Amino acid sequence: MTKRINPSLMKTSRRNVLRGSVLAGAAAMTGAAAMSSPRAPKTHGINAASKNLYRAADPQAAETNAKPADLSGYTRVKQELVAPPFAPDHEQVATGGPKIVEITMETDIRASDGR
């Protein structure tokens, strides 16, 4: 089964269509793998202007003149976490004013394979 759609291009055949789809899939996988790899900021060429940006990203090195927020006027609500995909008890429409929702989250540093 060969059919010419455009005479200046190669013949359209099952083999050429499969070859093109395999090449397109390989290109997509290569591009996705390249974009998913984490990249750390390059700090070897920091100039004076960007030096302040990297220093500000470190919370211990950052200097601030901001006053601490007064949260004493807000209602505090304790909420129990539940396992996904469930949602904790909540209201569909918020009632009352702003609230501070307190939760307790326990983390386990052991590997997921039981080690």
Protein backbone atom coordinates (compact mmCIF):
# COMPACT_ATOMS: atom_id res chain seq x y z
CA MET A 1 0.00 0.00 0.00
CA THR A 2 1.86 3.04 -1.20
CA LYS A 3 0.18 6.31 -1.89
CA ARG A 4 1.70 9.64 -2.67
CA ILE A 5 0.04 12.55 -0.88
CA ASN A 6 2.71 15.05 -1.83
CA PRO A 7 5.12 14.04 -4.60
CA SER A 8 8.03 15.99 -3.07
CA LEU A 9 7.87 13.97 0.19
CA MET A 10 8.75 10.32 0.72
CA LYS A 11 6.19 7.66 -0.05
CA THR A 12 3.46 7.14 2.51
CA SER A 13 3.58 3.55 3.66
CA ARG A 14 2.83 1.67 6.83
CA ARG A 15 6.56 1.38 7.56
CA ASN A 16 7.15 5.13 7.18
CA VAL A 17 4.17 5.99 9.39
CA LEU A 18 5.36 3.61 12.13
CA ARG A 19 8.93 4.92 11.85
CA GLY A 20 7.70 8.50 12.22
CA SER A 21 5.54 7.70 15.24
CA VAL A 22 8.42 5.89 16.97
CA LEU A 23 10.75 8.83 16.34
CA ALA A 24 8.15 11.31 17.61
CA GLY A 25 7.61 9.22 20.75
CA ALA A 26 11.35 8.98 21.40
CA ALA A 27 11.71 12.74 21.00
CA ALA A 28 8.84 13.35 23.44
CA MET A 29 10.35 11.00 26.03
CA THR A 30 13.77 12.61 25.69
CA GLY A 31 12.30 16.09 26.09
CA ALA A 32 10.23 15.05 29.12
CA ALA A 33 13.25 13.45 30.78
CA ALA A 34 15.38 16.53 30.17
CA MET A 35 12.74 18.87 31.61
CA SER A 36 12.08 16.72 34.70
CA SER A 37 15.64 16.63 35.98
CA PRO A 38 16.17 19.07 38.87
CA ARG A 39 18.60 21.86 38.31
CA ALA A 40 20.40 23.65 41.11
CA PRO A 41 21.20 27.33 40.73
CA LYS A 42 24.67 28.01 39.40
CA THR A 43 26.41 29.91 42.14
CA HIS A 44 29.92 29.99 40.70
CA GLY A 45 29.23 33.12 38.65
CA ILE A 46 27.35 35.30 41.14
CA ASN A 47 27.76 38.99 40.57
CA ALA A 48 27.13 41.73 43.14
CA ALA A 49 23.50 42.26 42.08
CA SER A 50 22.45 38.63 42.33
CA LYS A 51 24.43 38.02 45.51
CA ASN A 52 21.67 39.71 47.53
CA LEU A 53 19.05 37.41 45.98
CA TYR A 54 20.81 34.27 47.14
CA ARG A 55 21.40 35.73 50.59
CA ALA A 56 17.70 36.63 50.87
CA ALA A 57 16.70 33.05 50.04
CA ASP A 58 18.45 31.86 53.22
CA PRO A 59 16.00 32.54 56.11
CA GLN A 60 18.79 32.63 58.70
CA ALA A 61 20.83 35.16 56.74
CA ALA A 62 17.88 37.36 55.80
CA GLU A 63 17.52 40.62 57.64
CA THR A 64 14.07 42.11 58.06
CA ASN A 65 12.48 45.20 59.50
CA ALA A 66 8.99 43.70 59.52
CA LYS A 67 7.03 43.72 62.74
CA PRO A 68 5.59 40.39 63.94
CA ALA A 69 1.90 39.93 63.09
CA ASP A 70 -0.64 40.14 65.90
CA LEU A 71 -2.77 36.98 65.64
CA SER A 72 -4.45 37.27 69.04
CA GLY A 73 -7.80 38.42 67.61
CA TYR A 74 -8.39 35.36 65.46
CA THR A 75 -10.40 32.29 66.43
CA ARG A 76 -8.29 29.12 66.68
CA VAL A 77 -9.80 25.86 65.44
CA LYS A 78 -8.15 22.45 65.91
CA GLN A 79 -8.60 20.08 63.00
CA GLU A 80 -7.89 16.35 62.76
CA LEU A 81 -6.04 15.19 59.65
CA VAL A 82 -7.43 12.21 57.76
CA ALA A 83 -5.81 9.91 55.22
CA PRO A 84 -6.14 10.84 51.55
CA PRO A 85 -8.36 10.92 49.51
CA PHE A 86 -10.75 11.90 52.30
CA ALA A 87 -11.19 15.50 53.41
CA PRO A 88 -11.37 16.62 57.03
CA ASP A 89 -14.65 17.90 58.48
CA HIS A 90 -15.28 21.32 57.00
CA GLU A 91 -18.02 23.72 55.99
CA GLN A 92 -18.89 24.09 52.32
CA VAL A 93 -19.42 27.82 52.83
CA ALA A 94 -17.19 29.67 55.27
CA THR A 95 -19.05 31.23 58.16
CA GLY A 96 -17.75 33.78 60.60
CA GLY A 97 -14.53 35.67 60.21
CA PRO A 98 -10.99 34.56 59.52
CA LYS A 99 -9.74 31.61 61.55
CA ILE A 100 -6.43 29.98 62.37
CA VAL A 101 -6.69 26.25 61.71
CA GLU A 102 -4.30 24.19 63.84
CA ILE A 103 -3.37 20.68 62.79
CA THR A 104 -0.95 18.08 64.12
CA MET A 105 1.05 16.23 61.51
CA GLU A 106 3.37 13.36 62.33
CA THR A 107 6.12 12.46 59.91
CA ASP A 108 8.02 9.21 59.69
CA ILE A 109 11.52 9.32 58.25
CA ARG A 110 11.71 5.58 57.62
CA ALA A 111 11.73 4.44 54.02
CA SER A 112 8.41 3.33 52.57
CA ASP A 113 9.74 -0.20 52.01
CA GLY A 114 9.74 -0.88 55.77
CA ARG A 115 13.42 -0.27 56.58
